[in-house]
Amino acid sequence: MKEKNENRRSFLQKSVQSAAGLMALPLVAPALQAAPEPEEIFLTRPAVARIKFAVIGMNHGHIYGQTNAVIRGGGELVSYYAKEPDLMADFKKRYPEAKPAASEKEILDDPSIQLVLSAGIPVDRAPLGIRVMKSGKDYMADKPGITTLAQLAEVRKVQKATKQIYSIMYSERFENRATVKAGELVKAGAIGKVIQTIGLGPHRMNPKSRPEWFFELDKYGGIICDIASHQFDQFLYFTGSTEAEVVAAQAGNVNHPQYPGLQDFGDVMVRGNGGMGYVRVDWFTPDGLKSWGDGRLTILGTEGFIEIRKNVDISGREGGNHLFLVNQKETKTIDTSDVDLPYGRQLVDDVLNRTETAMTQEHCFLATELALKAQAKAEKIKLKLS
């Protein structure tokens, strides 16, 4: 708690606040949820809401980041529903202005609702998204938004037929200021042509705080399907790849035999028509780190490289969103504290204008397809540490 308060005060000192317009809506999940977001983002609510949206399913704490992004983008949260009373109660505390719905059907039958968000149990996200699209609404899921290739095929079919938006919140890119800034630098040619991305996604276990589904492979889809979906999104985005193949993959449970359904380590080599990528994800973040994970992204270019320490800098710098640029001219650290996070605003634009400015539908599906193919292809690790 002390560390969180210190990070919060540090963020406040860097923020320019409007006395009438800002209010704190924490993204930290309850004890039974997954790890919190890398930073608290304070909301400026637009004077006039541009769309109405709802939430169905809150099993992962990322739902608060999703909801906040859409509110910042001009969405009005009007209703929410979950099967679990405790999750409903927690959500109500954060968003008292919204109405609790009695059922999923109540939300899907409401013609005023244009967008539905979900962070339900991963295996349930695609079936819900199909129901949402068939009801004439757009959909935004937490990652992994789809857990099997069969689900992906059905989602693609329904999305093509309905022309509704099926978006997946890849928050390690969309909600990380340093990563957004890196995109601007790469587009401006700061490191030349991108050759490779290296994405590392370590997480802390906290097994006592995890729900049962967290340890059931068929519920979360496997470690590559789950955590590494972020890294595949970033690989495609930064290399500009529109086609890609999984070169090699491995995954397994190397140090948690008491949880046979858990995969605690996985890595992947991938090659696209715009560059190459390497991904490593794990559940081995030690308790001594001041964050749930030392997430990193390295972008190698022909004229330099960018390194991002997303959540923490173990050398001692405060907070997250650390961006380092090295090219033929200089080596520098770039302050990203004021970088805009456009995903929520762009998604609301897309809902209204039927465009693809937040993320193309094909990119969304291809990032998921790579994660699912890598998961299916992954050789089982048989490492014995004892």
Protein backbone atom coordinates (compact mmCIF):
# COMPACT_ATOMS: atom_id res chain seq x y z
CA MET A 1 0.00 0.00 0.00
CA LYS A 2 2.85 2.38 0.84
CA GLU A 3 4.46 1.77 -2.57
CA LYS A 4 1.18 2.37 -4.36
CA ASN A 5 0.58 5.62 -2.50
CA GLU A 6 4.09 6.81 -3.33
CA ASN A 7 3.56 6.05 -7.02
CA ARG A 8 0.22 7.84 -6.94
CA ARG A 9 1.70 10.96 -5.36
CA SER A 10 4.52 10.92 -7.92
CA PHE A 11 2.00 10.75 -10.75
CA LEU A 12 -0.06 13.58 -9.27
CA GLN A 13 3.01 15.80 -9.10
CA LYS A 14 3.55 15.35 -12.83
CA SER A 15 -0.09 15.88 -13.82
CA VAL A 16 -1.71 19.15 -14.76
CA GLN A 17 -5.13 18.92 -13.11
CA SER A 18 -8.32 20.78 -13.85
CA ALA A 19 -10.20 21.48 -10.63
CA ALA A 20 -13.57 20.83 -12.17
CA GLY A 21 -12.77 18.15 -14.67
CA LEU A 22 -10.64 15.43 -13.12
CA MET A 23 -11.72 12.63 -10.91
CA ALA A 24 -9.82 9.56 -9.76
CA LEU A 25 -11.08 6.19 -10.91
CA PRO A 26 -8.51 3.57 -9.88
CA LEU A 27 -7.68 0.75 -12.21
CA VAL A 28 -6.55 -1.54 -9.40
CA ALA A 29 -8.51 -4.77 -9.29
CA PRO A 30 -9.98 -6.34 -6.15
CA ALA A 31 -7.98 -9.01 -4.34
CA LEU A 32 -9.45 -11.86 -6.37
CA GLN A 33 -8.69 -10.15 -9.66
CA ALA A 34 -5.47 -10.14 -11.65
CA ALA A 35 -2.63 -7.64 -11.25
CA PRO A 36 -3.36 -3.91 -11.45
CA GLU A 37 -2.60 -1.63 -14.36
CA PRO A 38 0.90 -0.13 -14.52
CA GLU A 39 -0.32 3.32 -13.52
CA GLU A 40 -3.45 5.09 -12.30
CA ILE A 41 -4.96 7.19 -15.05
CA PHE A 42 -7.16 10.06 -13.97
CA LEU A 43 -10.20 10.75 -16.06
CA THR A 44 -11.25 13.93 -17.79
CA ARG A 45 -14.89 13.31 -18.58
CA PRO A 46 -15.95 14.97 -21.85
CA ALA A 47 -18.68 17.58 -21.46
CA VAL A 48 -20.95 15.69 -23.84
CA ALA A 49 -20.92 11.89 -24.22
CA ARG A 50 -20.73 10.71 -27.82
CA ILE A 51 -21.88 7.11 -27.37
CA LYS A 52 -23.49 4.94 -24.73
CA PHE A 53 -21.80 1.73 -23.65
CA ALA A 54 -22.17 -1.12 -21.16
CA VAL A 55 -20.05 -3.78 -19.46
CA ILE A 56 -20.75 -7.52 -19.25
CA GLY A 57 -18.28 -9.65 -17.29
CA MET A 58 -15.68 -8.35 -14.81
CA ASN A 59 -13.56 -11.36 -13.89
CA HIS A 60 -10.30 -9.60 -14.73
CA GLY A 61 -9.29 -6.26 -13.23
CA HIS A 62 -8.45 -4.93 -16.70
CA ILE A 63 -12.14 -4.06 -17.03
CA TYR A 64 -11.45 -0.83 -15.17
CA GLY A 65 -8.77 0.22 -17.66
CA GLN A 66 -11.09 -0.66 -20.54
CA THR A 67 -13.96 1.30 -19.05
CA ASN A 68 -11.81 4.32 -18.27
CA ALA A 69 -10.40 4.38 -21.81
CA VAL A 70 -13.88 4.55 -23.35
CA ILE A 71 -15.05 7.19 -20.88
CA ARG A 72 -12.01 9.32 -21.70
CA GLY A 73 -12.85 8.83 -25.37
CA GLY A 74 -16.38 10.16 -25.02
CA GLY A 75 -18.41 7.16 -23.90
CA GLU A 76 -21.15 7.23 -21.30
CA LEU A 77 -21.29 4.08 -19.15
CA VAL A 78 -24.99 3.37 -18.71
CA SER A 79 -25.22 -0.20 -17.39
CA TYR A 80 -23.26 -3.27 -16.34
CA TYR A 81 -23.81 -6.94 -15.52
CA ALA A 82 -21.90 -9.89 -14.06
CA LYS A 83 -23.08 -13.21 -12.67
CA GLU A 84 -21.01 -12.70 -9.52
CA PRO A 85 -22.60 -10.40 -6.90
CA ASP A 86 -19.22 -9.42 -5.43
CA LEU A 87 -17.94 -8.25 -8.81
CA MET A 88 -21.12 -6.26 -9.34
CA ALA A 89 -20.67 -4.61 -5.95
CA ASP A 90 -17.04 -3.69 -6.65
CA PHE A 91 -17.94 -2.24 -10.03
CA LYS A 92 -20.78 -0.18 -8.54
CA LYS A 93 -18.36 1.46 -6.08
CA ARG A 94 -16.20 2.71 -8.95
CA TYR A 95 -19.01 3.72 -11.30
CA PRO A 96 -22.05 4.67 -9.18
CA GLU A 97 -23.53 6.69 -12.04
CA ALA A 98 -24.23 3.52 -14.08
CA LYS A 99 -27.23 1.23 -13.66
CA PRO A 100 -26.79 -2.44 -12.67
CA ALA A 101 -28.59 -4.66 -15.17
CA ALA A 102 -30.57 -7.72 -14.15
CA SER A 103 -29.21 -9.85 -16.99
CA GLU A 104 -27.02 -9.92 -20.07
CA LYS A 105 -30.20 -9.88 -22.17
CA GLU A 106 -31.27 -6.56 -20.70
CA ILE A 107 -28.11 -4.96 -22.07
CA LEU A 108 -28.20 -6.69 -25.45
CA ASP A 109 -31.83 -5.72 -25.95
CA ASP A 110 -31.23 -2.04 -25.17
CA PRO A 111 -31.12 -0.22 -28.54
CA SER A 112 -29.43 2.84 -27.04
CA ILE A 113 -26.26 0.91 -26.19
CA GLN A 114 -23.73 0.96 -29.03
CA LEU A 115 -20.70 -0.74 -27.48
CA VAL A 116 -20.21 -3.56 -24.96
CA LEU A 117 -17.00 -4.19 -23.01
CA SER A 118 -15.99 -7.43 -21.31
CA ALA A 119 -13.25 -8.88 -19.16
CA GLY A 120 -15.06 -12.09 -18.34
CA ILE A 121 -13.34 -15.45 -17.96
CA PRO A 122 -11.19 -15.69 -21.12
CA VAL A 123 -12.92 -18.73 -22.61
CA ASP A 124 -16.26 -16.90 -22.40
CA ARG A 125 -15.16 -13.70 -24.14
CA ALA A 126 -15.51 -14.81 -27.77
CA PRO A 127 -18.97 -16.41 -27.35
CA LEU A 128 -20.17 -13.22 -25.67
CA GLY A 129 -18.66 -11.12 -28.45
CA ILE A 130 -20.58 -13.16 -31.01
CA ARG A 131 -23.84 -12.52 -29.14
CA VAL A 132 -23.00 -8.83 -28.88
CA MET A 133 -22.29 -8.48 -32.61
CA LYS A 134 -25.46 -10.37 -33.50
CA SER A 135 -27.41 -7.92 -31.34
CA GLY A 136 -26.13 -5.07 -33.53
CA LYS A 137 -23.53 -3.69 -31.13
CA ASP A 138 -19.77 -3.28 -31.25
CA TYR A 139 -17.55 -5.16 -28.80
CA MET A 140 -14.28 -4.63 -26.95
CA ALA A 141 -12.76 -7.55 -25.04
CA ASP A 142 -9.85 -7.75 -22.67
CA LYS A 143 -6.99 -9.89 -23.93
CA PRO A 144 -7.06 -12.75 -24.69
CA GLY A 145 -10.20 -11.89 -26.60
CA ILE A 146 -10.32 -15.39 -28.13
CA THR A 147 -8.90 -18.63 -26.72
CA THR A 148 -9.11 -21.21 -29.54
CA LEU A 149 -8.70 -21.27 -33.31
CA ALA A 150 -12.27 -22.60 -33.59
CA GLN A 151 -13.53 -19.55 -31.68
CA LEU A 152 -11.48 -17.29 -33.94
CA ALA A 153 -13.02 -18.81 -37.08
CA GLU A 154 -16.54 -18.24 -35.75
CA VAL A 155 -15.78 -14.70 -34.59
CA ARG A 156 -14.36 -13.84 -38.01
CA LYS A 157 -17.44 -15.27 -39.69
CA VAL A 158 -19.89 -13.32 -37.55
CA GLN A 159 -17.87 -10.10 -37.73
CA LYS A 160 -17.78 -10.29 -41.51
CA ALA A 161 -21.54 -10.91 -41.65
CA THR A 162 -22.57 -8.22 -39.17
CA LYS A 163 -19.86 -5.61 -39.94
CA GLN A 164 -19.70 -4.87 -36.20
CA ILE A 165 -16.39 -3.99 -34.50
CA TYR A 166 -14.61 -6.73 -32.54
CA SER A 167 -11.77 -4.99 -30.72
CA ILE A 168 -9.30 -6.47 -28.25
CA MET A 169 -7.73 -4.16 -25.67
CA TYR A 170 -4.00 -4.77 -26.04
CA SER A 171 -3.30 -2.50 -23.08
CA GLU A 172 0.50 -2.92 -23.10
CA ARG A 173 0.45 -0.80 -26.26
CA PHE A 174 -2.78 1.20 -26.08
CA GLU A 175 -2.54 2.19 -22.42
CA ASN A 176 1.22 2.60 -22.06
CA ARG A 177 2.45 6.12 -22.78
CA ALA A 178 6.02 5.08 -23.60
CA THR A 179 4.81 2.53 -26.14
CA VAL A 180 2.53 5.05 -27.80
CA LYS A 181 5.47 7.47 -28.01
CA ALA A 182 7.66 4.72 -29.48
CA GLY A 183 5.12 4.34 -32.24
CA GLU A 184 5.44 8.02 -33.06
CA LEU A 185 9.25 7.80 -33.10
CA VAL A 186 9.30 4.73 -35.33
CA LYS A 187 6.84 6.35 -37.74
CA ALA A 188 9.08 9.44 -37.87
CA GLY A 189 12.08 7.27 -38.81
CA ALA A 190 14.03 7.76 -35.58
CA ILE A 191 15.63 4.30 -35.79
CA GLY A 192 15.36 3.61 -39.49
CA LYS A 193 13.55 0.51 -40.70
CA VAL A 194 12.47 -1.86 -37.93
CA ILE A 195 14.16 -5.26 -38.09
CA GLN A 196 12.99 -6.98 -34.92
CA THR A 197 10.96 -6.56 -31.75
CA ILE A 198 11.74 -8.28 -28.46
CA GLY A 199 8.79 -8.32 -26.08
CA LEU A 200 9.13 -9.53 -22.49
CA GLY A 201 6.02 -9.99 -20.37
CA PRO A 202 6.90 -11.21 -16.87
CA HIS A 203 4.13 -11.31 -14.24
CA ARG A 204 3.87 -11.97 -10.51
CA MET A 205 1.94 -15.08 -9.49
CA ASN A 206 0.16 -14.13 -6.21
CA PRO A 207 -1.47 -17.59 -6.22
CA LYS A 208 -3.59 -17.00 -3.10
CA SER A 209 -5.35 -14.10 -4.77
CA ARG A 210 -6.12 -15.93 -8.01
CA PRO A 211 -9.55 -17.36 -8.89
CA GLU A 212 -9.89 -21.05 -9.76
CA TRP A 213 -10.14 -20.44 -13.51
CA PHE A 214 -6.66 -18.91 -13.50
CA PHE A 215 -5.21 -22.41 -13.03
CA GLU A 216 -7.42 -24.16 -15.64
CA LEU A 217 -5.78 -24.34 -19.06
CA ASP A 218 -9.03 -24.53 -21.00
CA LYS A 219 -10.34 -21.43 -19.22
CA TYR A 220 -7.41 -19.06 -19.89
CA GLY A 221 -6.08 -20.65 -23.07
CA GLY A 222 -2.42 -21.11 -22.12
CA ILE A 223 0.31 -18.62 -21.28
CA ILE A 224 1.12 -17.73 -24.91
CA CYS A 225 -2.53 -17.28 -25.82
CA ASP A 226 -3.05 -15.12 -22.74
CA ILE A 227 -0.11 -12.90 -21.83
CA ALA A 228 1.77 -13.05 -25.14
CA SER A 229 -1.15 -11.68 -27.14
CA HIS A 230 0.21 -8.24 -26.15
CA GLN A 231 3.59 -9.03 -27.65
CA PHE A 232 2.18 -10.28 -30.94
CA ASP A 233 0.16 -7.09 -31.27
CA GLN A 234 3.31 -5.00 -30.76
CA PHE A 235 5.35 -7.16 -33.14
CA LEU A 236 2.84 -6.61 -35.94
CA TYR A 237 2.45 -2.92 -35.18
CA PHE A 238 6.12 -1.96 -35.00
CA THR A 239 7.35 -4.13 -37.88
CA GLY A 240 4.37 -3.22 -40.04
CA SER A 241 3.81 -6.89 -40.80
CA THR A 242 0.53 -7.90 -42.42
CA GLU A 243 1.54 -11.55 -42.75
CA ALA A 244 3.51 -13.66 -40.27
CA GLU A 245 4.38 -17.20 -39.26
CA VAL A 246 5.38 -18.84 -36.01
CA VAL A 247 8.92 -20.17 -36.39
CA ALA A 248 9.21 -21.91 -33.02
CA ALA A 249 7.40 -21.95 -29.68
CA GLN A 250 7.60 -23.69 -26.32
CA ALA A 251 5.59 -23.51 -23.11
CA GLY A 252 5.19 -25.40 -19.88
CA ASN A 253 4.99 -25.56 -16.12
CA VAL A 254 8.57 -25.57 -14.87
CA ASN A 255 8.21 -24.68 -11.19
CA HIS A 256 4.58 -24.97 -10.05
CA PRO A 257 3.72 -28.68 -9.94
CA GLN A 258 1.00 -27.98 -7.37
CA TYR A 259 -0.95 -26.25 -10.18
CA PRO A 260 -0.96 -28.80 -13.03
CA GLY A 261 -3.16 -26.60 -15.23
CA LEU A 262 -0.82 -23.63 -15.05
CA GLN A 263 1.79 -22.75 -17.64
CA ASP A 264 4.41 -20.52 -16.00
CA PHE A 265 6.82 -20.02 -18.92
CA GLY A 266 6.60 -19.64 -22.69
CA ASP A 267 8.57 -18.13 -25.55
CA VAL A 268 8.14 -17.74 -29.29
CA MET A 269 10.07 -16.83 -32.42
CA VAL A 270 7.97 -15.21 -35.14
CA ARG A 271 8.74 -13.91 -38.64
CA GLY A 272 6.65 -11.49 -40.66
CA ASN A 273 6.76 -9.75 -44.00
CA GLY A 274 7.96 -6.60 -42.21
CA GLY A 275 10.40 -7.97 -39.65
CA MET A 276 11.10 -10.56 -37.00
CA GLY A 277 10.12 -10.96 -33.37
CA TYR A 278 10.92 -12.75 -30.14
CA VAL A 279 8.50 -13.12 -27.22
CA ARG A 280 9.04 -14.34 -23.67
CA VAL A 281 6.33 -14.47 -21.00
CA ASP A 282 6.40 -15.95 -17.50
CA TRP A 283 4.98 -15.97 -13.97
CA PHE A 284 8.30 -15.50 -12.14
CA THR A 285 8.32 -11.86 -11.03
CA PRO A 286 9.83 -11.89 -7.50
CA ASP A 287 8.15 -10.19 -4.56
CA GLY A 288 11.08 -7.78 -4.21
CA LEU A 289 10.14 -5.88 -7.38
CA LYS A 290 8.07 -2.71 -6.92
CA SER A 291 5.75 -3.77 -9.72
CA TRP A 292 3.78 -6.81 -10.83
CA GLY A 293 6.24 -7.23 -13.73
CA ASP A 294 9.25 -5.68 -15.41
CA GLY A 295 7.62 -5.52 -18.84
CA ARG A 296 10.03 -4.54 -21.59
CA LEU A 297 10.00 -3.89 -25.30
CA THR A 298 13.08 -3.50 -27.50
CA ILE A 299 12.63 -2.27 -31.07
CA LEU A 300 15.71 -2.82 -33.24
CA GLY A 301 16.06 -0.70 -36.36
CA THR A 302 18.59 -0.26 -39.11
CA GLU A 303 19.69 3.10 -37.63
CA GLY A 304 19.23 2.56 -33.90
CA PHE A 305 17.03 1.04 -31.25
CA ILE A 306 14.37 1.90 -28.68
CA GLU A 307 14.02 0.23 -25.31
CA ILE A 308 10.95 0.62 -23.12
CA ARG A 309 10.70 -0.32 -19.45
CA LYS A 310 6.94 -0.27 -19.17
CA ASN A 311 6.25 -0.62 -15.47
CA VAL A 312 9.47 -0.07 -13.54
CA ASP A 313 13.12 0.89 -13.96
CA ILE A 314 15.17 -1.29 -11.63
CA SER A 315 18.05 1.20 -11.78
CA GLY A 316 16.03 3.49 -9.55
CA ARG A 317 14.02 5.91 -11.68
CA GLU A 318 10.54 6.45 -10.27
CA GLY A 319 7.34 5.20 -11.90
CA GLY A 320 6.91 3.51 -15.25
CA ASN A 321 6.83 4.45 -18.94
CA HIS A 322 10.60 4.73 -19.34
CA LEU A 323 11.69 5.18 -22.96
CA PHE A 324 15.32 5.09 -24.12
CA LEU A 325 16.33 6.06 -27.65
CA VAL A 326 19.71 5.29 -29.23
CA ASN A 327 20.45 6.17 -32.85
CA GLN A 328 23.23 7.56 -35.05
CA LYS A 329 22.90 11.02 -33.48
CA GLU A 330 22.29 10.52 -29.76
CA THR A 331 21.48 8.45 -26.73
CA LYS A 332 18.63 9.90 -24.70
CA THR A 333 15.85 9.24 -22.23
CA ILE A 334 12.49 10.60 -23.34
CA ASP A 335 9.84 11.87 -20.92
CA THR A 336 6.49 10.37 -21.88
CA SER A 337 4.39 11.58 -18.93
CA ASP A 338 2.29 13.90 -21.13
CA VAL A 339 1.80 11.53 -24.07
CA ASP A 340 -1.83 11.20 -25.14
CA LEU A 341 -3.52 7.77 -25.07
CA PRO A 342 -5.75 7.83 -28.17
CA TYR A 343 -7.22 4.31 -28.26
CA GLY A 344 -10.47 5.05 -26.39
CA ARG A 345 -11.16 8.19 -28.38
CA GLN A 346 -10.35 6.46 -31.66
CA LEU A 347 -12.57 3.49 -30.82
CA VAL A 348 -15.48 5.80 -30.07
CA ASP A 349 -14.79 7.53 -33.40
CA ASP A 350 -14.89 4.14 -35.12
CA VAL A 351 -18.20 3.24 -33.48
CA LEU A 352 -19.71 6.48 -34.75
CA ASN A 353 -18.07 6.64 -38.18
CA ARG A 354 -17.70 2.89 -38.99
CA THR A 355 -13.95 3.35 -39.52
CA GLU A 356 -10.80 1.53 -38.34
CA THR A 357 -8.65 4.23 -36.77
CA ALA A 358 -8.05 2.57 -33.38
CA MET A 359 -6.95 -0.73 -34.92
CA THR A 360 -7.84 -2.50 -38.13
CA GLN A 361 -9.99 -5.56 -37.75
CA GLU A 362 -7.45 -7.68 -39.60
CA HIS A 363 -4.64 -6.58 -37.29
CA CYS A 364 -6.76 -7.46 -34.26
CA PHE A 365 -7.48 -10.93 -35.59
CA LEU A 366 -3.95 -11.58 -36.90
CA ALA A 367 -2.35 -10.81 -33.53
CA THR A 368 -4.75 -13.27 -31.93
CA GLU A 369 -4.21 -15.85 -34.67
CA LEU A 370 -0.45 -15.77 -34.12
CA ALA A 371 -0.85 -16.22 -30.38
CA LEU A 372 -3.25 -19.12 -30.85
CA LYS A 373 -1.06 -20.82 -33.47
CA ALA A 374 2.01 -20.40 -31.28
CA GLN A 375 0.12 -21.85 -28.32
CA ALA A 376 -1.02 -24.83 -30.39
CA LYS A 377 2.45 -25.34 -31.85
CA ALA A 378 4.36 -24.92 -28.58
CA GLU A 379 6.54 -27.83 -27.58
CA LYS A 380 6.00 -28.89 -24.01
CA ILE A 381 8.90 -27.90 -21.78
CA LYS A 382 10.24 -30.79 -19.71
CA LEU A 383 12.74 -28.86 -17.62
CA LYS A 384 13.32 -30.18 -14.09
CA LEU A 385 14.64 -27.60 -11.64
CA SER A 386 14.79 -29.80 -8.55
